[in-house]
């Protein structure tokens, strides 16, 4: 039941939450007492554009978040006037912050999946800097609470003191708001911008239902933050959900339980029955047995769908493959989850695609605390195409990452898989080698068949336009001219500008391109719009970065390349014929 807390990344998250319990619990009582709940939520949420800027420009996230929080507070103060109340001013500035954050994330930096992490937090990102910031916020809050807490208390009972108490009173208020901003920034990594207030406000409100005295209220709030944060972290790992959302749900459930218990307190028997039912439900949920793996198999992890398919073919009945990416998911834009780290923790080998496609795999291994060996298949292929631009990366990471679209690279990688599996399980080494040899024969047969089919199309008609630049290896192997791509990049994290799309449309018309090929893992909306504008077809879909779902025409590597060959021939010939590959 407590296995998640054995993982290093969960342990770091737990330490972070326990440290944050101090400032969150203490400041939460002042937030509730002073009626600052909406303002506090807005401060946390308004850090979003700062986080996006930090992520996009590559500087420290806390710095960007704190700058956004300060700008938000200044804007809300400036807008507040006789005809604009504090809540209205806060709402106006908050809307502006969220709008700017969305524009920066989508149109400027193309943050993609990073938005989920920014809004809801990630256990995988907690580092020593976050722990130090949380400790600093805790120390500053304890000190301020001891030195000027009585001034906050007086203003809480008499709000007029905050407005008319002179410069010293306004200074004390500024310290309180500054500490709220600092503590929330410290909590952003693990909780996220959207739900950070759940760590500060909800536990304090819950504790307020149980006590009337300030000191006991503060201590109980700290305890609730610690307990609810710990349970939320455990639940986030078990459910594979963002930690911010699970902590918020646990905090909300805690408040509901206390409120219901108070309501039932007048009926002791009913209260006892309700408590018994809750405890029984928790015990039942927490004591479920873990599924056991099949004995005697080597447990390995594969990052992408293609790599997992190769490993299954070579490993056969001797391996148990845990696949990180699902069919039709985008490896360029993938954000690892706690379940991925758990999978790596129990694996003997981690097979990666390499060449910069799944760089996040290294972090998974380090966060798992295990000793899995990383096997980089991208280093084994003899065909290497340059990546984008100078300085894009060093060594293998600077190459075009879509190496599997040239079957010769697959032929070279498959024996490497057999060698790695043979080291992990020497008793099955001969079996792995036989499987690898048989699979290489299939790949070579497919390669010859595809080459013959595509060569039957006149070279002048082999003009390829795709969603993004993922088919350089395929085109190079089979004599296809790449005319352009909707996303003029080898990664889907880039975005096409209006000028790029306009120039692409002109090129399509000038080159007489008959078909534009959408990809199975990407939205076809832009491709279809350009097709309507140019008169080209958008009917034939390719499998680029990922295999298709089970039962689709591209659910294995061999079927994927066969389907791609059929699609391009149909597109090149205006649908007059396809490419029936006999293997």
Protein backbone atom coordinates (compact mmCIF):
# COMPACT_ATOMS: atom_id res chain seq x y z
CA UNK A 1 0.00 0.00 0.00
CA UNK A 2 2.86 2.37 0.78
CA UNK A 3 5.06 1.35 -2.16
CA UNK A 4 4.84 4.78 -3.86
CA UNK A 5 6.75 6.37 -0.98
CA UNK A 6 9.75 4.17 -1.77
CA UNK A 7 10.26 6.05 -5.04
CA UNK A 8 12.76 8.96 -4.82
CA UNK A 9 10.55 11.43 -6.70
CA UNK A 10 7.62 10.73 -4.35
CA UNK A 11 9.90 11.14 -1.35
CA UNK A 12 10.99 14.56 -2.62
CA UNK A 13 7.35 15.51 -3.18
CA UNK A 14 6.46 14.37 0.33
CA UNK A 15 9.26 16.43 1.88
CA UNK A 16 8.07 19.41 -0.15
CA UNK A 17 4.49 19.04 1.08
CA UNK A 18 5.51 18.58 4.72
CA UNK A 19 7.64 21.73 4.59
CA UNK A 20 4.87 23.66 2.82
CA UNK A 21 2.40 22.57 5.50
CA UNK A 22 3.92 25.19 7.82
CA UNK A 23 3.44 28.33 5.67
CA UNK A 24 0.23 26.99 4.11
CA UNK A 25 -1.32 26.21 7.49
CA UNK A 26 -0.25 29.46 9.16
CA UNK A 27 -1.04 31.75 6.24
CA UNK A 28 -4.29 29.89 5.59
CA UNK A 29 -5.67 31.01 8.92
CA UNK A 30 -4.86 34.64 8.15
CA UNK A 31 -6.28 34.30 4.63
CA UNK A 32 -9.60 33.05 6.03
CA UNK A 33 -9.65 35.51 8.92
CA UNK A 34 -8.92 38.48 6.66
CA UNK A 35 -11.33 37.40 3.90
CA UNK A 36 -8.53 36.99 1.36
CA UNK A 37 -9.58 33.61 -0.07
CA UNK A 38 -10.47 34.93 -3.53
CA UNK A 39 -7.39 37.13 -3.66
CA UNK A 40 -5.16 34.22 -2.66
CA UNK A 41 -6.65 31.94 -5.29
CA UNK A 42 -6.19 34.69 -7.86
CA UNK A 43 -2.53 35.21 -6.89
CA UNK A 44 -1.79 31.54 -7.45
CA UNK A 45 -3.65 31.39 -10.74
CA UNK A 46 -2.17 34.66 -11.98
CA UNK A 47 1.33 33.18 -11.83
CA UNK A 48 0.50 31.16 -14.96
CA UNK A 49 1.89 33.65 -17.52
CA UNK A 50 5.08 33.95 -15.46
CA UNK A 51 5.48 30.18 -15.49
CA UNK A 52 4.93 30.07 -19.25
CA UNK A 53 7.56 32.77 -19.79
CA UNK A 54 10.02 30.92 -17.58
CA UNK A 55 9.36 27.65 -19.39
CA UNK A 56 9.61 29.25 -22.83
CA UNK A 57 12.66 31.44 -22.21
CA UNK A 58 14.51 28.98 -19.98
CA UNK A 59 14.89 30.88 -16.70
CA UNK A 60 13.89 29.85 -13.17
CA UNK A 61 10.17 29.11 -12.81
CA UNK A 62 9.88 30.64 -9.29
CA UNK A 63 11.33 33.91 -10.59
CA UNK A 64 8.76 34.10 -13.39
CA UNK A 65 5.92 33.13 -11.07
CA UNK A 66 6.87 35.65 -8.39
CA UNK A 67 7.21 38.41 -10.96
CA UNK A 68 3.73 37.61 -12.29
CA UNK A 69 2.32 37.55 -8.74
CA UNK A 70 3.81 40.97 -7.98
CA UNK A 71 2.49 42.37 -11.27
CA UNK A 72 -0.94 40.95 -10.48
CA UNK A 73 -1.02 42.49 -6.99
CA UNK A 74 0.11 45.84 -8.36
CA UNK A 75 -2.52 45.76 -11.10
CA UNK A 76 -5.31 44.83 -8.70
CA UNK A 77 -4.29 47.65 -6.34
CA UNK A 78 -4.11 50.18 -9.17
CA UNK A 79 -7.58 49.31 -10.48
CA UNK A 80 -9.23 49.43 -7.10
CA UNK A 81 -11.20 52.63 -6.69
CA UNK A 82 -14.43 54.08 -5.41
CA UNK A 83 -16.49 52.45 -8.10
CA UNK A 84 -14.42 49.30 -8.41
CA UNK A 85 -14.33 47.04 -5.37
CA UNK A 86 -11.39 44.86 -4.47
CA UNK A 87 -13.00 41.66 -5.79
CA UNK A 88 -13.91 43.31 -9.09
CA UNK A 89 -10.38 44.64 -9.53
CA UNK A 90 -8.92 41.23 -8.72
CA UNK A 91 -11.24 39.55 -11.24
CA UNK A 92 -10.34 42.01 -13.99
CA UNK A 93 -6.60 41.58 -13.57
CA UNK A 94 -6.94 37.80 -13.17
CA UNK A 95 -8.74 37.50 -16.50
CA UNK A 96 -5.95 39.50 -18.15
CA UNK A 97 -3.28 37.27 -16.60
CA UNK A 98 -4.99 34.06 -17.69
CA UNK A 99 -5.58 35.37 -21.22
CA UNK A 100 -1.94 36.43 -21.61
CA UNK A 101 -0.80 33.07 -20.24
CA UNK A 102 -2.90 31.15 -22.75
CA UNK A 103 -1.66 33.30 -25.64
CA UNK A 104 1.96 32.89 -24.58
CA UNK A 105 1.55 29.13 -24.11
CA UNK A 106 -0.20 28.45 -27.41
CA UNK A 107 0.81 31.10 -29.91
CA UNK A 108 4.27 32.13 -28.73
CA UNK A 109 5.94 29.16 -27.09
CA UNK A 110 3.71 26.26 -28.18
CA UNK A 111 3.92 24.75 -24.70
CA UNK A 112 1.55 21.91 -25.52
CA UNK A 113 1.47 19.27 -22.82
CA UNK A 114 3.54 21.48 -20.53
CA UNK A 115 0.36 23.42 -19.79
CA UNK A 116 -0.94 20.54 -17.68
CA UNK A 117 2.21 20.58 -15.57
CA UNK A 118 2.10 24.35 -15.15
CA UNK A 119 -1.54 24.33 -14.08
CA UNK A 120 -1.72 21.17 -11.97
CA UNK A 121 1.85 20.47 -10.85
CA UNK A 122 4.17 17.50 -11.29
CA UNK A 123 5.90 15.32 -8.73
CA UNK A 124 8.63 14.59 -11.25
CA UNK A 125 9.85 18.20 -11.26
CA UNK A 126 10.50 18.75 -7.54
CA UNK A 127 14.22 19.38 -6.98
CA UNK A 128 16.53 20.72 -4.29
CA UNK A 129 15.79 24.29 -5.34
CA UNK A 130 12.08 23.80 -4.72
CA UNK A 131 12.78 22.31 -1.29
CA UNK A 132 15.03 25.26 -0.40
CA UNK A 133 12.40 27.77 -1.54
CA UNK A 134 9.71 26.00 0.51
CA UNK A 135 11.98 26.01 3.57
CA UNK A 136 12.65 29.71 3.10
CA UNK A 137 8.93 30.47 2.83
CA UNK A 138 8.27 28.40 5.97
CA UNK A 139 10.97 30.19 7.98
CA UNK A 140 9.82 33.65 6.87
CA UNK A 141 6.19 32.83 7.68
CA UNK A 142 7.00 31.51 11.18
CA UNK A 143 9.09 34.59 11.92
CA UNK A 144 6.47 37.05 10.65
CA UNK A 145 3.70 35.19 12.45
CA UNK A 146 5.59 35.55 15.74
CA UNK A 147 6.58 39.18 15.27
CA UNK A 148 3.53 40.84 13.67
CA UNK A 149 0.78 38.24 13.93
CA UNK A 150 -0.99 40.34 16.54
CA UNK A 151 -1.28 43.20 14.05
CA UNK A 152 -2.83 40.87 11.47
CA UNK A 153 -5.20 39.62 14.17
CA UNK A 154 -6.39 43.12 15.08
CA UNK A 155 -6.99 43.98 11.44
CA UNK A 156 -8.88 40.71 11.06
CA UNK A 157 -11.37 41.68 13.71
CA UNK A 158 -11.49 45.32 12.58
CA UNK A 159 -10.96 45.58 8.78
CA UNK A 160 -10.94 49.38 9.02
CA UNK A 161 -7.52 49.17 10.68
CA UNK A 162 -6.07 47.84 7.46
CA UNK A 163 -7.23 50.93 5.56
CA UNK A 164 -6.83 53.66 8.19
CA UNK A 165 -4.15 52.31 10.47
CA UNK A 166 -1.40 54.36 8.90
CA UNK A 167 1.78 53.38 7.10
CA UNK A 168 2.73 50.71 9.62
CA UNK A 169 -0.59 48.91 9.21
CA UNK A 170 -0.30 48.99 5.43
CA UNK A 171 3.25 47.69 5.75
CA UNK A 172 2.06 44.77 7.89
CA UNK A 173 -0.58 44.00 5.27
CA UNK A 174 2.01 44.17 2.51
CA UNK A 175 4.15 41.66 4.43
CA UNK A 176 1.18 39.30 4.70
CA UNK A 177 0.38 39.52 1.00
CA UNK A 178 4.04 39.14 0.10
CA UNK A 179 4.33 36.00 2.21
CA UNK A 180 1.19 34.59 0.59
CA UNK A 181 2.71 35.18 -2.84
CA UNK A 182 6.07 33.69 -1.81
CA UNK A 183 4.55 30.57 -0.24
CA UNK A 184 2.26 29.99 -3.21
CA UNK A 185 5.17 30.31 -5.61
CA UNK A 186 7.03 27.73 -3.51
CA UNK A 187 4.04 25.36 -3.86
CA UNK A 188 3.60 25.73 -7.61
CA UNK A 189 5.85 22.85 -8.68
CA UNK A 190 3.97 20.21 -6.76
CA UNK A 191 0.44 21.69 -6.83
CA UNK A 192 0.32 23.86 -9.95
CA UNK A 193 -1.00 27.35 -10.53
CA UNK A 194 -4.69 26.57 -10.87
CA UNK A 195 -5.21 24.68 -7.61
CA UNK A 196 -2.49 26.06 -5.35
CA UNK A 197 -5.08 27.78 -3.15
CA UNK A 198 -6.46 24.37 -2.19
CA UNK A 199 -3.35 23.85 -0.09
CA UNK A 200 -3.84 27.16 1.73
CA UNK A 201 -7.55 27.87 1.98
CA UNK A 202 -9.47 24.59 2.24
CA UNK A 203 -7.53 23.05 5.16
CA UNK A 204 -7.79 26.31 7.11
CA UNK A 205 -11.55 26.48 6.55
CA UNK A 206 -11.86 22.84 7.62
CA UNK A 207 -9.85 23.46 10.79
CA UNK A 208 -12.01 26.48 11.56
CA UNK A 209 -14.99 24.15 11.90
CA UNK A 210 -13.22 22.28 14.70
CA UNK A 211 -11.76 25.00 16.91
CA UNK A 212 -12.33 28.58 18.06
CA UNK A 213 -8.86 29.46 19.35
CA UNK A 214 -6.24 30.92 16.99
CA UNK A 215 -3.26 28.83 18.11
CA UNK A 216 -5.11 25.52 17.91
CA UNK A 217 -6.59 26.66 14.58
CA UNK A 218 -3.12 27.27 13.17
CA UNK A 219 -1.69 24.00 14.47
CA UNK A 220 -4.66 22.02 13.20
CA UNK A 221 -4.40 23.73 9.80
CA UNK A 222 -0.73 22.77 9.54
CA UNK A 223 -1.61 19.18 10.44
CA UNK A 224 -4.41 19.02 7.88
CA UNK A 225 -2.20 20.35 5.11
CA UNK A 226 0.41 17.73 5.95
CA UNK A 227 -2.08 14.85 6.11
CA UNK A 228 -4.16 15.87 3.09
CA UNK A 229 -1.04 16.62 1.06
CA UNK A 230 0.46 13.23 1.90
CA UNK A 231 -2.75 11.38 1.02
CA UNK A 232 -3.05 13.44 -2.17
CA UNK A 233 0.47 12.53 -3.26
CA UNK A 234 -0.18 8.85 -2.65
CA UNK A 235 -3.44 9.05 -4.56
CA UNK A 236 -1.85 10.93 -7.46
CA UNK A 237 0.65 8.10 -7.94
CA UNK A 238 -2.01 5.42 -7.63
CA UNK A 239 -4.42 7.12 -10.04
CA UNK A 240 -1.72 8.57 -12.36
CA UNK A 241 -3.32 12.01 -11.93
CA UNK A 242 -1.68 15.43 -11.45
CA UNK A 243 -0.86 16.02 -7.75
CA UNK A 244 -2.59 19.40 -7.60
CA UNK A 245 -5.94 17.92 -8.59
CA UNK A 246 -5.70 14.99 -6.18
CA UNK A 247 -4.64 17.18 -3.24
CA UNK A 248 -7.54 19.52 -3.99
CA UNK A 249 -9.97 16.59 -4.10
CA UNK A 250 -8.66 15.18 -0.82
CA UNK A 251 -8.90 18.60 0.83
CA UNK A 252 -12.46 19.03 -0.43
CA UNK A 253 -13.37 15.55 0.80
CA UNK A 254 -11.85 16.37 4.19
CA UNK A 255 -13.95 19.52 4.50
CA UNK A 256 -17.10 17.62 3.48
CA UNK A 257 -16.38 14.86 6.01
CA UNK A 258 -15.92 17.34 8.85
CA UNK A 259 -19.04 19.28 7.88
CA UNK A 260 -21.12 16.09 7.70
CA UNK A 261 -19.69 14.85 11.00
CA UNK A 262 -20.66 18.11 12.69
CA UNK A 263 -24.17 17.83 11.26
CA UNK A 264 -24.47 14.25 12.49
CA UNK A 265 -22.96 14.99 15.88
CA UNK A 266 -26.45 15.43 17.34
CA UNK A 267 -27.26 11.85 16.38
CA UNK A 268 -24.42 9.80 17.91
CA UNK A 269 -25.54 6.46 16.49
CA UNK A 270 -25.78 7.83 12.96
CA UNK A 271 -22.41 9.53 13.34
CA UNK A 272 -20.80 6.29 14.50
CA UNK A 273 -22.35 4.40 11.60
CA UNK A 274 -21.16 6.99 9.07
CA UNK A 275 -17.65 6.91 10.51
CA UNK A 276 -17.57 3.12 10.35
CA UNK A 277 -18.68 3.15 6.72
CA UNK A 278 -16.00 5.70 5.78
CA UNK A 279 -13.26 3.72 7.53
CA UNK A 280 -14.44 0.49 5.90
CA UNK A 281 -14.45 2.10 2.46
CA UNK A 282 -10.92 3.45 2.94
CA UNK A 283 -9.60 0.13 4.17
CA UNK A 284 -11.24 -1.70 1.26
CA UNK A 285 -9.82 0.76 -1.26
CA UNK A 286 -6.33 0.71 0.21
CA UNK A 287 -5.88 -3.01 0.75
CA UNK A 288 -6.41 -4.31 -2.77
CA UNK A 289 -3.71 -6.72 -3.87
CA UNK A 290 -1.17 -5.77 -6.51
CA UNK A 291 -1.28 -7.89 -9.69
CA UNK A 292 1.68 -10.19 -9.86
CA UNK A 293 3.77 -10.46 -12.98
CA UNK A 294 4.29 -13.71 -14.83
CA UNK A 295 7.18 -15.64 -13.36
CA UNK A 296 10.36 -16.21 -15.27
CA UNK A 297 9.99 -13.30 -17.70
CA UNK A 298 12.38 -10.38 -18.03
CA UNK A 299 10.51 -7.19 -17.20
CA UNK A 300 11.53 -4.39 -19.56
CA UNK A 301 10.25 -0.92 -20.40
CA UNK A 302 9.95 0.56 -23.90
CA UNK A 303 9.33 4.27 -24.39
CA UNK A 304 7.63 4.45 -27.80
CA UNK A 305 5.15 2.26 -29.64
CA UNK A 306 7.65 1.25 -32.33
CA UNK A 307 10.34 0.31 -29.83
CA UNK A 308 7.85 -1.71 -27.79
CA UNK A 309 6.84 -3.60 -30.94
CA UNK A 310 10.46 -4.43 -31.77
CA UNK A 311 11.11 -5.66 -28.23
CA UNK A 312 7.99 -7.85 -28.23
CA UNK A 313 8.99 -9.41 -31.52
CA UNK A 314 12.48 -10.23 -30.28
CA UNK A 315 11.57 -11.12 -26.70
CA UNK A 316 8.58 -13.28 -27.53
CA UNK A 317 7.32 -15.25 -24.53
CA UNK A 318 10.46 -14.47 -22.57
CA UNK A 319 9.78 -10.80 -21.84
CA UNK A 320 7.12 -8.68 -20.19
CA UNK A 321 7.07 -5.29 -21.93
CA UNK A 322 5.78 -2.16 -20.20
CA UNK A 323 5.06 0.43 -22.89
CA UNK A 324 5.15 4.10 -21.88
CA UNK A 325 3.53 5.78 -24.90
CA UNK A 326 0.12 4.69 -26.13
CA UNK A 327 -0.85 4.39 -29.82
CA UNK A 328 -1.50 7.73 -31.54
CA UNK A 329 0.21 9.65 -28.72
CA UNK A 330 2.88 12.23 -29.56
CA UNK A 331 6.37 11.47 -28.19
CA UNK A 332 7.57 15.02 -28.89
CA UNK A 333 4.93 16.48 -26.62
CA UNK A 334 4.76 13.80 -23.94
CA UNK A 335 4.83 14.64 -20.24
CA UNK A 336 5.85 11.61 -18.11
CA UNK A 337 3.53 10.52 -15.32
CA UNK A 338 4.12 8.85 -11.94
CA UNK A 339 3.01 5.47 -13.30
CA UNK A 340 5.82 5.67 -15.86
CA UNK A 341 8.37 6.02 -13.07
CA UNK A 342 6.82 3.07 -11.23
CA UNK A 343 7.10 0.98 -14.38
CA UNK A 344 10.76 1.88 -14.81
CA UNK A 345 11.46 1.13 -11.13
CA UNK A 346 10.64 -2.53 -11.67
CA UNK A 347 12.34 -2.97 -15.04
CA UNK A 348 15.67 -4.58 -15.81
CA UNK A 349 16.07 -2.73 -19.12
CA UNK A 350 14.68 0.48 -20.61
CA UNK A 351 14.66 0.52 -24.40
CA UNK A 352 14.55 4.05 -25.82
CA UNK A 353 14.20 5.41 -29.33
CA UNK A 354 16.90 8.04 -28.79
CA UNK A 355 18.12 10.81 -31.08
CA UNK A 356 16.33 13.37 -28.92
CA UNK A 357 12.83 11.92 -29.35
CA UNK A 358 12.37 10.60 -25.80
CA UNK A 359 14.95 12.50 -23.77
CA UNK A 360 12.52 12.43 -20.85
CA UNK A 361 13.39 8.72 -20.41
CA UNK A 362 16.61 9.54 -18.55
CA UNK A 363 14.69 11.45 -15.91
CA UNK A 364 12.32 8.51 -15.49
CA UNK A 365 15.22 6.19 -14.70
CA UNK A 366 16.84 8.59 -12.23
CA UNK A 367 13.50 9.30 -10.49
CA UNK A 368 12.73 5.60 -10.17
CA UNK A 369 15.69 4.90 -7.91
CA UNK A 370 16.21 1.63 -9.77
CA UNK A 371 19.20 0.30 -11.64
CA UNK A 372 17.61 -0.34 -15.03
CA UNK A 373 20.01 -0.25 -17.95
CA UNK A 374 19.11 2.13 -20.79
CA UNK A 375 19.42 0.65 -24.28
CA UNK A 376 19.41 3.40 -26.92
CA UNK A 377 18.31 1.91 -30.24
CA UNK A 378 18.84 5.18 -32.05
CA UNK A 379 22.61 4.79 -31.74
CA UNK A 380 22.57 1.46 -33.61
CA UNK A 381 21.18 2.55 -36.97
CA UNK A 382 23.70 3.24 -39.75
CA UNK A 383 21.54 5.81 -41.57
CA UNK A 384 21.79 9.20 -39.89
CA UNK A 385 20.05 12.32 -41.18
CA UNK A 386 20.89 15.74 -39.79
CA UNK A 387 18.58 17.43 -37.32
CA UNK A 388 17.25 20.94 -37.61
CA UNK A 389 19.57 23.92 -37.56
CA UNK A 390 23.03 24.37 -36.18
CA UNK A 391 23.53 23.68 -32.50
CA UNK A 392 20.26 21.80 -32.28
CA UNK A 393 22.00 19.11 -30.30
CA UNK A 394 25.20 17.17 -29.94
CA UNK A 395 25.87 13.63 -31.11
CA UNK A 396 22.83 11.43 -31.58
CA UNK A 397 20.47 14.08 -30.14
CA UNK A 398 21.31 16.38 -33.06
CA UNK A 399 19.96 13.93 -35.64
CA UNK A 400 16.54 13.55 -37.20
CA UNK A 401 14.85 11.27 -34.62
CA UNK A 402 12.53 9.36 -36.99
CA UNK A 403 15.14 6.70 -37.82
CA UNK A 404 12.73 3.72 -37.97
CA UNK A 405 11.22 4.94 -41.26
CA UNK A 406 14.32 3.58 -42.98
CA UNK A 407 14.09 -0.21 -42.47
CA UNK A 408 17.87 -0.54 -42.64
CA UNK A 409 18.05 1.17 -39.27
CA UNK A 410 15.56 -1.31 -37.84
CA UNK A 411 17.60 -4.21 -39.24
CA UNK A 412 20.59 -2.89 -37.29
CA UNK A 413 18.70 -2.18 -34.04
CA UNK A 414 16.94 -5.53 -33.72
CA UNK A 415 20.11 -7.59 -33.05
CA UNK A 416 21.01 -5.02 -30.39
CA UNK A 417 17.72 -5.77 -28.65
CA UNK A 418 18.53 -9.49 -28.69
CA UNK A 419 21.99 -8.84 -27.22
CA UNK A 420 20.58 -6.72 -24.36
CA UNK A 421 17.88 -9.25 -23.55
CA UNK A 422 20.43 -12.05 -23.67
CA UNK A 423 22.53 -10.31 -21.03
CA UNK A 424 19.45 -9.83 -18.82
CA UNK A 425 18.40 -13.49 -19.23
CA UNK A 426 21.28 -15.68 -20.50
CA UNK A 427 19.10 -18.79 -20.37
CA UNK A 428 17.02 -17.46 -23.29
CA UNK A 429 19.81 -15.85 -25.31
CA UNK A 430 19.56 -18.36 -28.18
CA UNK A 431 15.78 -17.87 -28.32
CA UNK A 432 16.14 -14.08 -28.49
CA UNK A 433 18.72 -14.39 -31.28
CA UNK A 434 16.45 -16.69 -33.33
CA UNK A 435 13.54 -14.29 -32.93
CA UNK A 436 15.70 -11.36 -33.98
CA UNK A 437 17.02 -13.15 -37.07
CA UNK A 438 13.50 -14.10 -38.16
CA UNK A 439 12.22 -10.55 -37.66
CA UNK A 440 15.11 -9.02 -39.63
CA UNK A 441 14.17 -11.27 -42.56
CA UNK A 442 10.60 -9.90 -42.41
CA UNK A 443 11.86 -6.31 -42.33
CA UNK A 444 14.14 -6.88 -45.32
CA UNK A 445 11.34 -8.52 -47.29
CA UNK A 446 9.04 -5.56 -46.56
CA UNK A 447 11.77 -3.10 -47.53
CA UNK A 448 12.26 -4.71 -50.94
CA UNK A 449 8.50 -4.85 -51.57
CA UNK A 450 7.95 -1.19 -50.67
CA UNK A 451 10.87 -0.08 -52.82
CA UNK A 452 9.49 -1.92 -55.83
CA UNK A 453 6.00 -0.54 -55.35
CA UNK A 454 7.07 3.09 -54.99
CA UNK A 455 9.54 2.86 -57.88
CA UNK A 456 6.57 2.06 -60.12
CA UNK A 457 5.42 5.67 -59.65
CA UNK A 458 7.24 8.14 -61.95
CA UNK A 459 9.86 10.11 -59.99
CA UNK A 460 8.25 13.41 -61.02
CA UNK A 461 5.06 12.41 -59.21
CA UNK A 462 6.67 11.35 -55.92
CA UNK A 463 6.12 14.64 -54.10
CA UNK A 464 5.41 14.47 -50.39
CA UNK A 465 3.72 17.05 -48.15
CA UNK A 466 2.97 15.93 -44.57
CA UNK A 467 1.83 17.26 -41.20
CA UNK A 468 5.40 17.67 -39.91
CA UNK A 469 8.85 16.80 -41.15
CA UNK A 470 8.88 13.18 -39.94
CA UNK A 471 9.46 11.28 -43.18
CA UNK A 472 12.98 12.24 -44.21
CA UNK A 473 14.24 8.68 -43.73
CA UNK A 474 11.28 7.17 -45.58
CA UNK A 475 11.67 9.63 -48.45
CA UNK A 476 15.41 9.15 -48.66
CA UNK A 477 15.12 5.38 -48.73
CA UNK A 478 12.48 5.23 -51.48
CA UNK A 479 13.38 8.16 -53.73
CA UNK A 480 10.60 10.55 -52.68
CA UNK A 481 10.93 14.34 -52.86
CA UNK A 482 9.80 16.11 -49.66
CA UNK A 483 8.13 19.30 -50.88
CA UNK A 484 7.15 20.66 -47.47
CA UNK A 485 5.28 20.15 -44.21
CA UNK A 486 2.44 21.94 -42.46
CA UNK A 487 4.64 22.15 -39.36
CA UNK A 488 8.06 22.93 -40.86
CA UNK A 489 9.91 21.08 -38.13
CA UNK A 490 10.95 17.59 -37.05
CA UNK A 491 9.09 18.10 -33.77
CA UNK A 492 5.36 18.72 -33.35
CA UNK A 493 6.09 21.18 -30.53
CA UNK A 494 6.79 23.80 -33.20
CA UNK A 495 3.97 25.73 -34.84
CA UNK A 496 3.45 27.02 -38.34
CA UNK A 497 2.90 30.73 -38.84
CA UNK A 498 0.36 32.17 -41.26
CA UNK A 499 3.25 33.10 -43.55
CA UNK A 500 4.59 29.52 -43.48
CA UNK A 501 1.19 28.11 -44.45
CA UNK A 502 0.72 30.67 -47.22
CA UNK A 503 4.11 29.83 -48.73
CA UNK A 504 3.40 26.11 -48.43
CA UNK A 505 0.12 26.52 -50.30
CA UNK A 506 1.91 28.36 -53.11
CA UNK A 507 4.55 25.62 -53.29
CA UNK A 508 1.89 22.90 -53.46
CA UNK A 509 0.20 24.62 -56.36
CA UNK A 510 3.47 25.36 -58.16
CA UNK A 511 4.76 21.78 -57.78
CA UNK A 512 1.46 20.19 -58.81
CA UNK A 513 1.25 18.19 -55.57
CA UNK A 514 -1.74 15.86 -55.70
CA UNK A 515 -2.04 14.97 -52.01
CA UNK A 516 -1.23 16.29 -48.56
CA UNK A 517 -0.87 13.56 -45.97
CA UNK A 518 -2.19 14.10 -42.43
CA UNK A 519 -0.70 12.03 -39.61
CA UNK A 520 -2.67 9.69 -37.39
CA UNK A 521 -1.49 11.28 -34.12
CA UNK A 522 -2.17 14.90 -35.10
CA UNK A 523 -5.27 16.93 -35.87
CA UNK A 524 -6.01 17.02 -39.60
CA UNK A 525 -7.83 20.37 -39.51
CA UNK A 526 -5.00 22.51 -40.92
CA UNK A 527 -4.09 19.88 -43.54
CA UNK A 528 -7.69 19.75 -44.72
CA UNK A 529 -7.89 23.54 -44.87
CA UNK A 530 -4.78 23.75 -47.08
CA UNK A 531 -6.11 20.90 -49.22
CA UNK A 532 -9.34 22.81 -49.85
CA UNK A 533 -7.35 25.92 -50.75
CA UNK A 534 -4.99 24.16 -53.16
CA UNK A 535 -7.25 21.46 -54.57
CA UNK A 536 -4.99 18.68 -53.29
CA UNK A 537 -6.35 15.59 -51.58
CA UNK A 538 -6.12 15.07 -47.80
CA UNK A 539 -7.68 11.60 -47.90
CA UNK A 540 -4.67 9.42 -47.11
CA UNK A 541 -3.27 9.29 -43.57
CA UNK A 542 0.27 8.34 -42.57
CA UNK A 543 1.66 6.89 -39.37
CA UNK A 544 4.54 9.18 -38.40
CA UNK A 545 5.66 9.22 -34.77
CA UNK A 546 3.52 6.37 -33.49
CA UNK A 547 1.87 3.10 -34.36
CA UNK A 548 -1.89 2.91 -34.68
CA UNK A 549 -4.33 1.51 -32.17
CA UNK A 550 -5.03 -2.20 -31.86
CA UNK A 551 -7.00 -3.39 -34.90
CA UNK A 552 -5.88 -0.49 -37.10
CA UNK A 553 -3.88 -0.80 -40.32
CA UNK A 554 -0.74 0.37 -38.50
CA UNK A 555 -0.82 -1.48 -35.18
CA UNK A 556 2.64 -3.02 -35.73
CA UNK A 557 5.80 -1.63 -37.30
CA UNK A 558 5.54 -3.87 -40.37
CA UNK A 559 1.88 -3.00 -40.91
CA UNK A 560 2.59 0.70 -40.29
CA UNK A 561 5.20 0.90 -43.04
CA UNK A 562 3.04 -1.19 -45.36
CA UNK A 563 0.11 1.18 -44.73
CA UNK A 564 2.33 4.23 -45.29
CA UNK A 565 3.57 2.84 -48.61
CA UNK A 566 0.00 2.17 -49.73
CA UNK A 567 -1.12 5.67 -48.68
CA UNK A 568 1.68 7.54 -50.46
CA UNK A 569 1.22 5.59 -53.69
CA UNK A 570 -2.52 6.31 -53.65
CA UNK A 571 -1.82 9.97 -53.01
CA UNK A 572 0.86 10.21 -55.71
CA UNK A 573 -1.39 8.54 -58.30
CA UNK A 574 -4.58 10.41 -57.45
CA UNK A 575 -6.10 7.28 -55.94
CA UNK A 576 -5.82 5.22 -59.10
CA UNK A 577 -3.87 2.44 -57.38
CA UNK A 578 -2.31 1.52 -54.09
CA UNK A 579 0.60 -0.55 -52.90
CA UNK A 580 -0.32 -4.14 -52.05
CA UNK A 581 2.77 -5.47 -50.33
CA UNK A 582 3.04 -9.24 -50.12
CA UNK A 583 5.25 -10.44 -47.30
